[in-house]
Amino acid sequence: MLRVSLDTVIFLFLAVFHTTAAVKSIAAKGNLTCDEYPAGQILVRLFKVDEDSIEFLEQTHTDEAGCFELVGRSRSDSIWRPVLNIYHDCDDAKNVSFKRSQQLSRIHHLKFIPVEEVLK
């Protein structure tokens, strides 16, 4: 079974405000394992979901150690929630259409950080 290592997954949420619309950013970093083994080359996508739309933000593949890192940004005045989709089935390496979707706020607490810290 595909398992997100919650103790190593860190999710950061930050907001940058402009006079017109807010640019909101989300970063996701983690390590995927299948039955205690690193899950390499797994497709991971980050989306923003609000009341009336779903917007694709970023995608990547895990490295051979199962690690991934994503950063997504969206200009929006509305309140939105990040969703992380993991496309893999540990029991069947050929079945990559399997999708596991997680709301990031349910995986790990979101943390506000100053923009200056991110831009270093």
PDB file of N, CA and C in Angstrom:
ATOM      1  N   MET A   1       0.833  -1.168   0.000  1.00  0.00           N
ATOM      2  CA  MET A   1       0.000   0.000   0.000  1.00  0.00           C
ATOM      3  C   MET A   1       0.887   1.243   0.000  1.00  0.00           C
ATOM      4  N   LEU A   2       0.532   2.225  -0.823  1.00  0.00           N
ATOM      5  CA  LEU A   2       1.265   3.479  -0.879  1.00  0.00           C
ATOM      6  C   LEU A   2       1.029   4.238   0.412  1.00  0.00           C
ATOM      7  N   ARG A   3       2.107   4.697   1.000  1.00  0.00           N
ATOM      8  CA  ARG A   3       1.997   5.380   2.279  1.00  0.00           C
ATOM      9  C   ARG A   3       2.815   6.659   2.226  1.00  0.00           C
ATOM     10  N   VAL A   4       2.228   7.748   2.623  1.00  0.00           N
ATOM     11  CA  VAL A   4       2.942   9.008   2.736  1.00  0.00           C
ATOM     12  C   VAL A   4       3.533   9.048   4.131  1.00  0.00           C
ATOM     13  N   SER A   5       4.838   9.189   4.217  1.00  0.00           N
ATOM     14  CA  SER A   5       5.504   9.235   5.513  1.00  0.00           C
ATOM     15  C   SER A   5       5.213  10.579   6.166  1.00  0.00           C
ATOM     16  N   LEU A   6       4.249  10.570   7.057  1.00  0.00           N
ATOM     17  CA  LEU A   6       3.790  11.817   7.657  1.00  0.00           C
ATOM     18  C   LEU A   6       4.854  12.489   8.502  1.00  0.00           C
ATOM     19  N   ASP A   7       5.756  11.709   9.073  1.00  0.00           N
ATOM     20  CA  ASP A   7       6.777  12.315   9.909  1.00  0.00           C
ATOM     21  C   ASP A   7       7.832  13.039   9.084  1.00  0.00           C
ATOM     22  N   THR A   8       7.905  12.762   7.780  1.00  0.00           N
ATOM     23  CA  THR A   8       8.894  13.443   6.953  1.00  0.00           C
ATOM     24  C   THR A   8       8.272  14.402   5.954  1.00  0.00           C
ATOM     25  N   VAL A   9       6.958  14.468   5.916  1.00  0.00           N
ATOM     26  CA  VAL A   9       6.291  15.359   4.975  1.00  0.00           C
ATOM     27  C   VAL A   9       6.084  16.715   5.635  1.00  0.00           C
ATOM     28  N   ILE A  10       6.535  17.735   4.963  1.00  0.00           N
ATOM     29  CA  ILE A  10       6.396  19.082   5.496  1.00  0.00           C
ATOM     30  C   ILE A  10       5.621  19.907   4.482  1.00  0.00           C
ATOM     31  N   PHE A  11       4.604  20.565   4.948  1.00  0.00           N
ATOM     32  CA  PHE A  11       3.812  21.408   4.068  1.00  0.00           C
ATOM     33  C   PHE A  11       3.845  22.833   4.590  1.00  0.00           C
ATOM     34  N   LEU A  12       4.135  23.729   3.711  1.00  0.00           N
ATOM     35  CA  LEU A  12       4.202  25.129   4.089  1.00  0.00           C
ATOM     36  C   LEU A  12       3.161  25.905   3.307  1.00  0.00           C
ATOM     37  N   PHE A  13       2.544  26.825   3.953  1.00  0.00           N
ATOM     38  CA  PHE A  13       1.558  27.668   3.290  1.00  0.00           C
ATOM     39  C   PHE A  13       1.928  29.108   3.563  1.00  0.00           C
ATOM     40  N   LEU A  14       1.998  29.898   2.514  1.00  0.00           N
ATOM     41  CA  LEU A  14       2.313  31.294   2.716  1.00  0.00           C
ATOM     42  C   LEU A  14       1.457  32.147   1.801  1.00  0.00           C
ATOM     43  N   ALA A  15       1.271  33.362   2.200  1.00  0.00           N
ATOM     44  CA  ALA A  15       0.457  34.281   1.401  1.00  0.00           C
ATOM     45  C   ALA A  15       1.234  35.567   1.168  1.00  0.00           C
ATOM     46  N   VAL A  16       1.198  36.043  -0.068  1.00  0.00           N
ATOM     47  CA  VAL A  16       1.802  37.310  -0.437  1.00  0.00           C
ATOM     48  C   VAL A  16       0.664  38.182  -0.949  1.00  0.00           C
ATOM     49  N   PHE A  17       0.473  39.332  -0.372  1.00  0.00           N
ATOM     50  CA  PHE A  17      -0.660  40.168  -0.740  1.00  0.00           C
ATOM     51  C   PHE A  17      -0.216  41.337  -1.604  1.00  0.00           C
ATOM     52  N   HIS A  18      -0.971  41.586  -2.664  1.00  0.00           N
ATOM     53  CA  HIS A  18      -0.777  42.744  -3.529  1.00  0.00           C
ATOM     54  C   HIS A  18      -2.028  43.599  -3.427  1.00  0.00           C
ATOM     55  N   THR A  19      -1.998  44.765  -4.060  1.00  0.00           N
ATOM     56  CA  THR A  19      -3.148  45.659  -3.945  1.00  0.00           C
ATOM     57  C   THR A  19      -4.372  45.135  -4.687  1.00  0.00           C
ATOM     58  N   THR A  20      -4.200  44.387  -5.772  1.00  0.00           N
ATOM     59  CA  THR A  20      -5.356  43.915  -6.533  1.00  0.00           C
ATOM     60  C   THR A  20      -5.806  42.539  -6.076  1.00  0.00           C
ATOM     61  N   ALA A  21      -5.025  41.541  -6.357  1.00  0.00           N
ATOM     62  CA  ALA A  21      -5.383  40.169  -5.967  1.00  0.00           C
ATOM     63  C   ALA A  21      -4.210  39.549  -5.226  1.00  0.00           C
ATOM     64  N   ALA A  22      -4.514  38.646  -4.351  1.00  0.00           N
ATOM     65  CA  ALA A  22      -3.478  38.011  -3.547  1.00  0.00           C
ATOM     66  C   ALA A  22      -2.818  36.884  -4.325  1.00  0.00           C
ATOM     67  N   VAL A  23      -1.494  36.797  -4.207  1.00  0.00           N
ATOM     68  CA  VAL A  23      -0.769  35.647  -4.735  1.00  0.00           C
ATOM     69  C   VAL A  23      -0.551  34.715  -3.557  1.00  0.00           C
ATOM     70  N   LYS A  24      -1.130  33.543  -3.641  1.00  0.00           N
ATOM     71  CA  LYS A  24      -1.003  32.568  -2.564  1.00  0.00           C
ATOM     72  C   LYS A  24      -0.134  31.430  -3.060  1.00  0.00           C
ATOM     73  N   SER A  25       0.733  30.956  -2.193  1.00  0.00           N
ATOM     74  CA  SER A  25       1.653  29.890  -2.561  1.00  0.00           C
ATOM     75  C   SER A  25       1.537  28.738  -1.588  1.00  0.00           C
ATOM     76  N   ILE A  26       1.804  27.557  -2.096  1.00  0.00           N
ATOM     77  CA  ILE A  26       1.839  26.358  -1.259  1.00  0.00           C
ATOM     78  C   ILE A  26       3.048  25.539  -1.681  1.00  0.00           C
ATOM     79  N   ALA A  27       3.754  25.002  -0.721  1.00  0.00           N
ATOM     80  CA  ALA A  27       4.891  24.127  -1.004  1.00  0.00           C
ATOM     81  C   ALA A  27       4.642  22.795  -0.321  1.00  0.00           C
ATOM     82  N   ALA A  28       4.930  21.736  -1.023  1.00  0.00           N
ATOM     83  CA  ALA A  28       4.773  20.394  -0.456  1.00  0.00           C
ATOM     84  C   ALA A  28       6.069  19.637  -0.664  1.00  0.00           C
ATOM     85  N   LYS A  29       6.533  18.995   0.381  1.00  0.00           N
ATOM     86  CA  LYS A  29       7.774  18.230   0.329  1.00  0.00           C
ATOM     87  C   LYS A  29       7.537  16.947   1.102  1.00  0.00           C
ATOM     88  N   GLY A  30       7.937  15.816   0.546  1.00  0.00           N
ATOM     89  CA  GLY A  30       7.683  14.573   1.264  1.00  0.00           C
ATOM     90  C   GLY A  30       8.440  13.392   0.715  1.00  0.00           C
ATOM     91  N   ASN A  31       8.134  12.238   1.275  1.00  0.00           N
ATOM     92  CA  ASN A  31       8.793  10.988   0.934  1.00  0.00           C
ATOM     93  C   ASN A  31       7.719   9.914   0.840  1.00  0.00           C
ATOM     94  N   LEU A  32       7.605   9.253  -0.325  1.00  0.00           N
ATOM     95  CA  LEU A  32       6.610   8.203  -0.521  1.00  0.00           C
ATOM     96  C   LEU A  32       7.268   6.836  -0.420  1.00  0.00           C
ATOM     97  N   THR A  33       6.577   5.925   0.247  1.00  0.00           N
ATOM     98  CA  THR A  33       7.072   4.552   0.358  1.00  0.00           C
ATOM     99  C   THR A  33       5.956   3.575   0.022  1.00  0.00           C
ATOM    100  N   CYS A  34       6.350   2.421  -0.489  1.00  0.00           N
ATOM    101  CA  CYS A  34       5.444   1.299  -0.729  1.00  0.00           C
ATOM    102  C   CYS A  34       5.988   0.119   0.066  1.00  0.00           C
ATOM    103  N   ASP A  35       5.234  -0.329   1.042  1.00  0.00           N
ATOM    104  CA  ASP A  35       5.667  -1.452   1.877  1.00  0.00           C
ATOM    105  C   ASP A  35       7.081  -1.246   2.411  1.00  0.00           C
ATOM    106  N   GLU A  36       7.329  -0.068   2.952  1.00  0.00           N
ATOM    107  CA  GLU A  36       8.605   0.292   3.576  1.00  0.00           C
ATOM    108  C   GLU A  36       9.747   0.523   2.594  1.00  0.00           C
ATOM    109  N   TYR A  37       9.497   0.438   1.284  1.00  0.00           N
ATOM    110  CA  TYR A  37      10.532   0.678   0.274  1.00  0.00           C
ATOM    111  C   TYR A  37      10.264   2.010  -0.408  1.00  0.00           C
ATOM    112  N   PRO A  38      11.318   2.748  -0.795  1.00  0.00           N
ATOM    113  CA  PRO A  38      11.118   4.023  -1.489  1.00  0.00           C
ATOM    114  C   PRO A  38      10.317   3.832  -2.773  1.00  0.00           C
ATOM    115  N   ALA A  39       9.380   4.724  -3.016  1.00  0.00           N
ATOM    116  CA  ALA A  39       8.544   4.667  -4.219  1.00  0.00           C
ATOM    117  C   ALA A  39       9.068   5.696  -5.218  1.00  0.00           C
ATOM    118  N   GLY A  40       9.927   5.255  -6.128  1.00  0.00           N
ATOM    119  CA  GLY A  40      10.539   6.142  -7.116  1.00  0.00           C
ATOM    120  C   GLY A  40       9.693   6.287  -8.362  1.00  0.00           C
ATOM    121  N   GLN A  41       9.882   7.416  -9.044  1.00  0.00           N
ATOM    122  CA  GLN A  41       9.222   7.728 -10.317  1.00  0.00           C
ATOM    123  C   GLN A  41       7.690   7.718 -10.222  1.00  0.00           C
ATOM    124  N   ILE A  42       7.151   8.231  -9.114  1.00  0.00           N
ATOM    125  CA  ILE A  42       5.707   8.326  -8.905  1.00  0.00           C
ATOM    126  C   ILE A  42       5.258   9.746  -9.263  1.00  0.00           C
ATOM    127  N   LEU A  43       4.198   9.850 -10.049  1.00  0.00           N
ATOM    128  CA  LEU A  43       3.660  11.154 -10.433  1.00  0.00           C
ATOM    129  C   LEU A  43       2.904  11.771  -9.255  1.00  0.00           C
ATOM    130  N   VAL A  44       3.259  13.022  -8.926  1.00  0.00           N
ATOM    131  CA  VAL A  44       2.620  13.765  -7.843  1.00  0.00           C
ATOM    132  C   VAL A  44       2.193  15.118  -8.412  1.00  0.00           C
ATOM    133  N   ARG A  45       0.922  15.480  -8.218  1.00  0.00           N
ATOM    134  CA  ARG A  45       0.396  16.745  -8.734  1.00  0.00           C
ATOM    135  C   ARG A  45      -0.241  17.556  -7.616  1.00  0.00           C
ATOM    136  N   LEU A  46      -0.102  18.863  -7.733  1.00  0.00           N
ATOM    137  CA  LEU A  46      -0.655  19.794  -6.761  1.00  0.00           C
ATOM    138  C   LEU A  46      -1.724  20.643  -7.451  1.00  0.00           C
ATOM    139  N   PHE A  47      -2.907  20.735  -6.824  1.00  0.00           N
ATOM    140  CA  PHE A  47      -4.025  21.505  -7.361  1.00  0.00           C
ATOM    141  C   PHE A  47      -4.518  22.485  -6.310  1.00  0.00           C
ATOM    142  N   LYS A  48      -5.197  23.525  -6.776  1.00  0.00           N
ATOM    143  CA  LYS A  48      -5.944  24.396  -5.863  1.00  0.00           C
ATOM    144  C   LYS A  48      -7.415  24.192  -6.175  1.00  0.00           C
ATOM    145  N   VAL A  49      -8.210  24.060  -5.137  1.00  0.00           N
ATOM    146  CA  VAL A  49      -9.646  23.844  -5.295  1.00  0.00           C
ATOM    147  C   VAL A  49     -10.367  24.937  -4.522  1.00  0.00           C
ATOM    148  N   ASP A  50     -11.276  25.627  -5.216  1.00  0.00           N
ATOM    149  CA  ASP A  50     -12.131  26.580  -4.514  1.00  0.00           C
ATOM    150  C   ASP A  50     -13.585  26.237  -4.806  1.00  0.00           C
ATOM    151  N   GLU A  51     -14.484  27.137  -4.488  1.00  0.00           N
ATOM    152  CA  GLU A  51     -15.915  26.845  -4.593  1.00  0.00           C
ATOM    153  C   GLU A  51     -16.357  26.451  -5.995  1.00  0.00           C
ATOM    154  N   ASP A  52     -15.753  27.048  -7.019  1.00  0.00           N
ATOM    155  CA  ASP A  52     -16.257  26.823  -8.370  1.00  0.00           C
ATOM    156  C   ASP A  52     -15.228  26.330  -9.382  1.00  0.00           C
ATOM    157  N   SER A  53     -14.019  26.005  -8.953  1.00  0.00           N
ATOM    158  CA  SER A  53     -13.025  25.558  -9.932  1.00  0.00           C
ATOM    159  C   SER A  53     -11.931  24.706  -9.299  1.00  0.00           C
ATOM    160  N   ILE A  54     -11.243  23.996 -10.176  1.00  0.00           N
ATOM    161  CA  ILE A  54     -10.046  23.240  -9.809  1.00  0.00           C
ATOM    162  C   ILE A  54      -8.948  23.726 -10.742  1.00  0.00           C
ATOM    163  N   GLU A  55      -7.822  24.141 -10.178  1.00  0.00           N
ATOM    164  CA  GLU A  55      -6.720  24.659 -10.982  1.00  0.00           C
ATOM    165  C   GLU A  55      -5.462  23.836 -10.733  1.00  0.00           C
ATOM    166  N   PHE A  56      -4.850  23.362 -11.815  1.00  0.00           N
ATOM    167  CA  PHE A  56      -3.577  22.649 -11.730  1.00  0.00           C
ATOM    168  C   PHE A  56      -2.484  23.658 -11.390  1.00  0.00           C
ATOM    169  N   LEU A  57      -1.635  23.342 -10.393  1.00  0.00           N
ATOM    170  CA  LEU A  57      -0.560  24.236  -9.995  1.00  0.00           C
ATOM    171  C   LEU A  57       0.814  23.726 -10.416  1.00  0.00           C
ATOM    172  N   GLU A  58       1.120  22.460 -10.127  1.00  0.00           N
ATOM    173  CA  GLU A  58       2.473  21.941 -10.372  1.00  0.00           C
ATOM    174  C   GLU A  58       2.451  20.427 -10.342  1.00  0.00           C
ATOM    175  N   GLN A  59       3.440  19.814 -10.990  1.00  0.00           N
ATOM    176  CA  GLN A  59       3.595  18.362 -10.910  1.00  0.00           C
ATOM    177  C   GLN A  59       5.067  18.000 -10.922  1.00  0.00           C
ATOM    178  N   THR A  60       5.373  16.821 -10.406  1.00  0.00           N
ATOM    179  CA  THR A  60       6.731  16.290 -10.415  1.00  0.00           C
ATOM    180  C   THR A  60       6.650  14.777 -10.285  1.00  0.00           C
ATOM    181  N   HIS A  61       7.783  14.118 -10.399  1.00  0.00           N
ATOM    182  CA  HIS A  61       7.905  12.687 -10.120  1.00  0.00           C
ATOM    183  C   HIS A  61       8.845  12.523  -8.930  1.00  0.00           C
ATOM    184  N   THR A  62       8.596  11.532  -8.112  1.00  0.00           N
ATOM    185  CA  THR A  62       9.503  11.272  -7.000  1.00  0.00           C
ATOM    186  C   THR A  62      10.838  10.792  -7.547  1.00  0.00           C
ATOM    187  N   ASP A  63      11.906  11.046  -6.790  1.00  0.00           N
ATOM    188  CA  ASP A  63      13.211  10.531  -7.188  1.00  0.00           C
ATOM    189  C   ASP A  63      13.327   9.073  -6.752  1.00  0.00           C
ATOM    190  N   GLU A  64      14.478   8.472  -6.952  1.00  0.00           N
ATOM    191  CA  GLU A  64      14.650   7.049  -6.625  1.00  0.00           C
ATOM    192  C   GLU A  64      14.494   6.762  -5.132  1.00  0.00           C
ATOM    193  N   ALA A  65      14.677   7.786  -4.304  1.00  0.00           N
ATOM    194  CA  ALA A  65      14.506   7.619  -2.856  1.00  0.00           C
ATOM    195  C   ALA A  65      13.062   7.873  -2.421  1.00  0.00           C
ATOM    196  N   GLY A  66      12.184   8.189  -3.381  1.00  0.00           N
ATOM    197  CA  GLY A  66      10.780   8.446  -3.071  1.00  0.00           C
ATOM    198  C   GLY A  66      10.487   9.876  -2.662  1.00  0.00           C
ATOM    199  N   CYS A  67      11.470  10.761  -2.768  1.00  0.00           N
ATOM    200  CA  CYS A  67      11.302  12.152  -2.334  1.00  0.00           C
ATOM    201  C   CYS A  67      10.714  13.022  -3.441  1.00  0.00           C
ATOM    202  N   PHE A  68       9.911  13.998  -3.039  1.00  0.00           N
ATOM    203  CA  PHE A  68       9.354  14.960  -3.982  1.00  0.00           C
ATOM    204  C   PHE A  68       9.267  16.328  -3.327  1.00  0.00           C
ATOM    205  N   GLU A  69       9.194  17.351  -4.174  1.00  0.00           N
ATOM    206  CA  GLU A  69       9.027  18.720  -3.704  1.00  0.00           C
ATOM    207  C   GLU A  69       8.272  19.498  -4.776  1.00  0.00           C
ATOM    208  N   LEU A  70       7.221  20.179  -4.371  1.00  0.00           N
ATOM    209  CA  LEU A  70       6.381  20.960  -5.281  1.00  0.00           C
ATOM    210  C   LEU A  70       6.160  22.352  -4.710  1.00  0.00           C
ATOM    211  N   VAL A  71       6.071  23.342  -5.589  1.00  0.00           N
ATOM    212  CA  VAL A  71       5.698  24.695  -5.193  1.00  0.00           C
ATOM    213  C   VAL A  71       4.676  25.188  -6.198  1.00  0.00           C
ATOM    214  N   GLY A  72       3.524  25.619  -5.714  1.00  0.00           N
ATOM    215  CA  GLY A  72       2.481  26.136  -6.594  1.00  0.00           C
ATOM    216  C   GLY A  72       2.040  27.512  -6.151  1.00  0.00           C
ATOM    217  N   ARG A  73       1.690  28.349  -7.140  1.00  0.00           N
ATOM    218  CA  ARG A  73       1.234  29.711  -6.855  1.00  0.00           C
ATOM    219  C   ARG A  73      -0.033  29.998  -7.644  1.00  0.00           C
ATOM    220  N   SER A  74      -0.905  30.805  -7.047  1.00  0.00           N
ATOM    221  CA  SER A  74      -2.135  31.188  -7.731  1.00  0.00           C
ATOM    222  C   SER A  74      -2.544  32.583  -7.290  1.00  0.00           C
ATOM    223  N   ARG A  75      -2.959  33.390  -8.249  1.00  0.00           N
ATOM    224  CA  ARG A  75      -3.454  34.740  -7.947  1.00  0.00           C
ATOM    225  C   ARG A  75      -4.967  34.626  -7.785  1.00  0.00           C
ATOM    226  N   SER A  76      -5.438  34.881  -6.577  1.00  0.00           N
ATOM    227  CA  SER A  76      -6.862  34.695  -6.320  1.00  0.00           C
ATOM    228  C   SER A  76      -7.280  35.455  -5.073  1.00  0.00           C
ATOM    229  N   ASP A  77      -8.469  36.033  -5.135  1.00  0.00           N
ATOM    230  CA  ASP A  77      -9.042  36.681  -3.952  1.00  0.00           C
ATOM    231  C   ASP A  77      -9.861  35.702  -3.125  1.00  0.00           C
ATOM    232  N   SER A  78     -10.203  34.573  -3.718  1.00  0.00           N
ATOM    233  CA  SER A  78     -11.051  33.606  -3.017  1.00  0.00           C
ATOM    234  C   SER A  78     -10.226  32.724  -2.085  1.00  0.00           C
ATOM    235  N   ILE A  79     -10.915  32.083  -1.179  1.00  0.00           N
ATOM    236  CA  ILE A  79     -10.275  31.122  -0.278  1.00  0.00           C
ATOM    237  C   ILE A  79     -10.216  29.789  -1.005  1.00  0.00           C
ATOM    238  N   TRP A  80      -9.017  29.195  -1.061  1.00  0.00           N
ATOM    239  CA  TRP A  80      -8.879  27.906  -1.735  1.00  0.00           C
ATOM    240  C   TRP A  80      -8.101  26.948  -0.855  1.00  0.00           C
ATOM    241  N   ARG A  81      -8.232  25.674  -1.173  1.00  0.00           N
ATOM    242  CA  ARG A  81      -7.515  24.653  -0.412  1.00  0.00           C
ATOM    243  C   ARG A  81      -6.629  23.860  -1.369  1.00  0.00           C
ATOM    244  N   PRO A  82      -5.434  23.529  -0.929  1.00  0.00           N
ATOM    245  CA  PRO A  82      -4.537  22.728  -1.763  1.00  0.00           C
ATOM    246  C   PRO A  82      -4.905  21.251  -1.691  1.00  0.00           C
ATOM    247  N   VAL A  83      -4.774  20.564  -2.821  1.00  0.00           N
ATOM    248  CA  VAL A  83      -5.018  19.124  -2.894  1.00  0.00           C
ATOM    249  C   VAL A  83      -3.819  18.481  -3.575  1.00  0.00           C
ATOM    250  N   LEU A  84      -3.312  17.424  -2.988  1.00  0.00           N
ATOM    251  CA  LEU A  84      -2.169  16.685  -3.517  1.00  0.00           C
ATOM    252  C   LEU A  84      -2.670  15.362  -4.072  1.00  0.00           C
ATOM    253  N   ASN A  85      -2.426  15.106  -5.362  1.00  0.00           N
ATOM    254  CA  ASN A  85      -2.794  13.833  -5.977  1.00  0.00           C
ATOM    255  C   ASN A  85      -1.539  13.002  -6.205  1.00  0.00           C
ATOM    256  N   ILE A  86      -1.606  11.736  -5.815  1.00  0.00           N
ATOM    257  CA  ILE A  86      -0.507  10.787  -6.000  1.00  0.00           C
ATOM    258  C   ILE A  86      -1.025   9.696  -6.919  1.00  0.00           C
ATOM    259  N   TYR A  87      -0.368   9.507  -8.063  1.00  0.00           N
ATOM    260  CA  TYR A  87      -0.837   8.567  -9.076  1.00  0.00           C
ATOM    261  C   TYR A  87       0.022   7.309  -9.035  1.00  0.00           C
ATOM    262  N   HIS A  88      -0.427   6.321  -8.279  1.00  0.00           N
ATOM    263  CA  HIS A  88       0.323   5.076  -8.180  1.00  0.00           C
ATOM    264  C   HIS A  88      -0.492   4.028  -7.436  1.00  0.00           C
ATOM    265  N   ASP A  89      -0.218   2.787  -7.741  1.00  0.00           N
ATOM    266  CA  ASP A  89      -0.792   1.654  -7.021  1.00  0.00           C
ATOM    267  C   ASP A  89       0.370   0.720  -6.701  1.00  0.00           C
ATOM    268  N   CYS A  90       0.738   0.617  -5.464  1.00  0.00           N
ATOM    269  CA  CYS A  90       1.899  -0.188  -5.074  1.00  0.00           C
ATOM    270  C   CYS A  90       1.760  -1.653  -5.456  1.00  0.00           C
ATOM    271  N   ASP A  91       0.534  -2.135  -5.491  1.00  0.00           N
ATOM    272  CA  ASP A  91       0.332  -3.551  -5.779  1.00  0.00           C
ATOM    273  C   ASP A  91       0.426  -3.879  -7.263  1.00  0.00           C
ATOM    274  N   ASP A  92       0.392  -2.860  -8.112  1.00  0.00           N
ATOM    275  CA  ASP A  92       0.412  -3.100  -9.552  1.00  0.00           C
ATOM    276  C   ASP A  92       1.207  -1.993 -10.225  1.00  0.00           C
ATOM    277  N   ALA A  93       2.476  -2.240 -10.513  1.00  0.00           N
ATOM    278  CA  ALA A  93       3.354  -1.225 -11.096  1.00  0.00           C
ATOM    279  C   ALA A  93       2.883  -0.770 -12.472  1.00  0.00           C
ATOM    280  N   LYS A  94       2.109  -1.599 -13.173  1.00  0.00           N
ATOM    281  CA  LYS A  94       1.634  -1.226 -14.505  1.00  0.00           C
ATOM    282  C   LYS A  94       0.379  -0.361 -14.457  1.00  0.00           C
ATOM    283  N   ASN A  95      -0.303  -0.322 -13.337  1.00  0.00           N
ATOM    284  CA  ASN A  95      -1.554   0.427 -13.207  1.00  0.00           C
ATOM    285  C   ASN A  95      -1.269   1.807 -12.624  1.00  0.00           C
ATOM    286  N   VAL A  96      -0.825   2.735 -13.476  1.00  0.00           N
ATOM    287  CA  VAL A  96      -0.489   4.069 -12.986  1.00  0.00           C
ATOM    288  C   VAL A  96      -1.686   5.014 -13.002  1.00  0.00           C
ATOM    289  N   SER A  97      -2.857   4.518 -13.388  1.00  0.00           N
ATOM    290  CA  SER A  97      -4.031   5.385 -13.418  1.00  0.00           C
ATOM    291  C   SER A  97      -4.660   5.551 -12.035  1.00  0.00           C
ATOM    292  N   PHE A  98      -4.243   4.751 -11.078  1.00  0.00           N
ATOM    293  CA  PHE A  98      -4.759   4.857  -9.713  1.00  0.00           C
ATOM    294  C   PHE A  98      -4.383   6.225  -9.154  1.00  0.00           C
ATOM    295  N   LYS A  99      -5.331   6.865  -8.502  1.00  0.00           N
ATOM    296  CA  LYS A  99      -5.092   8.193  -7.961  1.00  0.00           C
ATOM    297  C   LYS A  99      -5.459   8.215  -6.486  1.00  0.00           C
ATOM    298  N   ARG A 100      -4.563   8.725  -5.683  1.00  0.00           N
ATOM    299  CA  ARG A 100      -4.849   8.940  -4.273  1.00  0.00           C
ATOM    300  C   ARG A 100      -4.786  10.439  -4.034  1.00  0.00           C
ATOM    301  N   SER A 101      -5.865  10.995  -3.574  1.00  0.00           N
ATOM    302  CA  SER A 101      -5.957  12.438  -3.398  1.00  0.00           C
ATOM    303  C   SER A 101      -5.993  12.766  -1.913  1.00  0.00           C
ATOM    304  N   GLN A 102      -5.224  13.756  -1.527  1.00  0.00           N
ATOM    305  CA  GLN A 102      -5.189  14.177  -0.135  1.00  0.00           C
ATOM    306  C   GLN A 102      -5.301  15.690  -0.063  1.00  0.00           C
ATOM    307  N   GLN A 103      -6.111  16.171   0.851  1.00  0.00           N
ATOM    308  CA  GLN A 103      -6.094  17.593   1.147  1.00  0.00           C
ATOM    309  C   GLN A 103      -4.910  17.816   2.065  1.00  0.00           C
ATOM    310  N   LEU A 104      -4.061  18.764   1.709  1.00  0.00           N
ATOM    311  CA  LEU A 104      -2.828  18.952   2.466  1.00  0.00           C
ATOM    312  C   LEU A 104      -3.083  19.293   3.918  1.00  0.00           C
ATOM    313  N   SER A 105      -4.135  20.033   4.187  1.00  0.00           N
ATOM    314  CA  SER A 105      -4.404  20.404   5.572  1.00  0.00           C
ATOM    315  C   SER A 105      -4.753  19.185   6.422  1.00  0.00           C
ATOM    316  N   ARG A 106      -5.189  18.115   5.785  1.00  0.00           N
ATOM    317  CA  ARG A 106      -5.510  16.901   6.536  1.00  0.00           C
ATOM    318  C   ARG A 106      -4.281  16.019   6.739  1.00  0.00           C
ATOM    319  N   ILE A 107      -3.266  16.182   5.921  1.00  0.00           N
ATOM    320  CA  ILE A 107      -2.051  15.386   6.073  1.00  0.00           C
ATOM    321  C   ILE A 107      -1.188  15.954   7.189  1.00  0.00           C
ATOM    322  N   HIS A 108      -1.014  17.248   7.183  1.00  0.00           N
ATOM    323  CA  HIS A 108      -0.109  17.888   8.129  1.00  0.00           C
ATOM    324  C   HIS A 108      -0.613  19.303   8.365  1.00  0.00           C
ATOM    325  N   HIS A 109      -0.378  19.824   9.523  1.00  0.00           N
ATOM    326  CA  HIS A 109      -0.804  21.190   9.813  1.00  0.00           C
ATOM    327  C   HIS A 109      -0.100  22.162   8.879  1.00  0.00           C
ATOM    328  N   LEU A 110      -0.855  23.116   8.360  1.00  0.00           N
ATOM    329  CA  LEU A 110      -0.270  24.149   7.525  1.00  0.00           C
ATOM    330  C   LEU A 110       0.361  25.198   8.420  1.00  0.00           C
ATOM    331  N   LYS A 111       1.444  25.763   7.943  1.00  0.00           N
ATOM    332  CA  LYS A 111       2.196  26.709   8.749  1.00  0.00           C
ATOM    333  C   LYS A 111       2.439  27.978   7.937  1.00  0.00           C
ATOM    334  N   PHE A 112       2.120  29.121   8.500  1.00  0.00           N
ATOM    335  CA  PHE A 112       2.397  30.391   7.842  1.00  0.00           C
ATOM    336  C   PHE A 112       3.844  30.764   8.100  1.00  0.00           C
ATOM    337  N   ILE A 113       4.524  31.204   7.038  1.00  0.00           N
ATOM    338  CA  ILE A 113       5.908  31.641   7.182  1.00  0.00           C
ATOM    339  C   ILE A 113       6.082  32.958   6.429  1.00  0.00           C
ATOM    340  N   PRO A 114       7.012  33.802   6.867  1.00  0.00           N
ATOM    341  CA  PRO A 114       7.232  35.073   6.179  1.00  0.00           C
ATOM    342  C   PRO A 114       7.787  34.852   4.774  1.00  0.00           C
ATOM    343  N   VAL A 115       7.358  35.701   3.859  1.00  0.00           N
ATOM    344  CA  VAL A 115       7.818  35.601   2.474  1.00  0.00           C
ATOM    345  C   VAL A 115       9.334  35.756   2.400  1.00  0.00           C
ATOM    346  N   GLU A 116       9.905  36.589   3.241  1.00  0.00           N
ATOM    347  CA  GLU A 116      11.352  36.814   3.224  1.00  0.00           C
ATOM    348  C   GLU A 116      12.126  35.514   3.451  1.00  0.00           C
ATOM    349  N   GLU A 117      11.582  34.627   4.257  1.00  0.00           N
ATOM    350  CA  GLU A 117      12.243  33.350   4.528  1.00  0.00           C
ATOM    351  C   GLU A 117      12.227  32.448   3.303  1.00  0.00           C
ATOM    352  N   VAL A 118      11.178  32.524   2.512  1.00  0.00           N
ATOM    353  CA  VAL A 118      11.048  31.679   1.329  1.00  0.00           C
ATOM    354  C   VAL A 118      11.939  32.180   0.205  1.00  0.00           C
ATOM    355  N   LEU A 119      12.073  33.486   0.080  1.00  0.00           N
ATOM    356  CA  LEU A 119      12.805  34.081  -1.034  1.00  0.00           C
ATOM    357  C   LEU A 119      14.308  34.133  -0.822  1.00  0.00           C
ATOM    358  N   LYS A 120      14.828  33.619   0.274  1.00  0.00           N
ATOM    359  CA  LYS A 120      16.276  33.614   0.532  1.00  0.00           C
ATOM    360  C   LYS A 120      16.991  32.710  -0.428  1.00  0.00           C
TER     361      LYS A 120
END
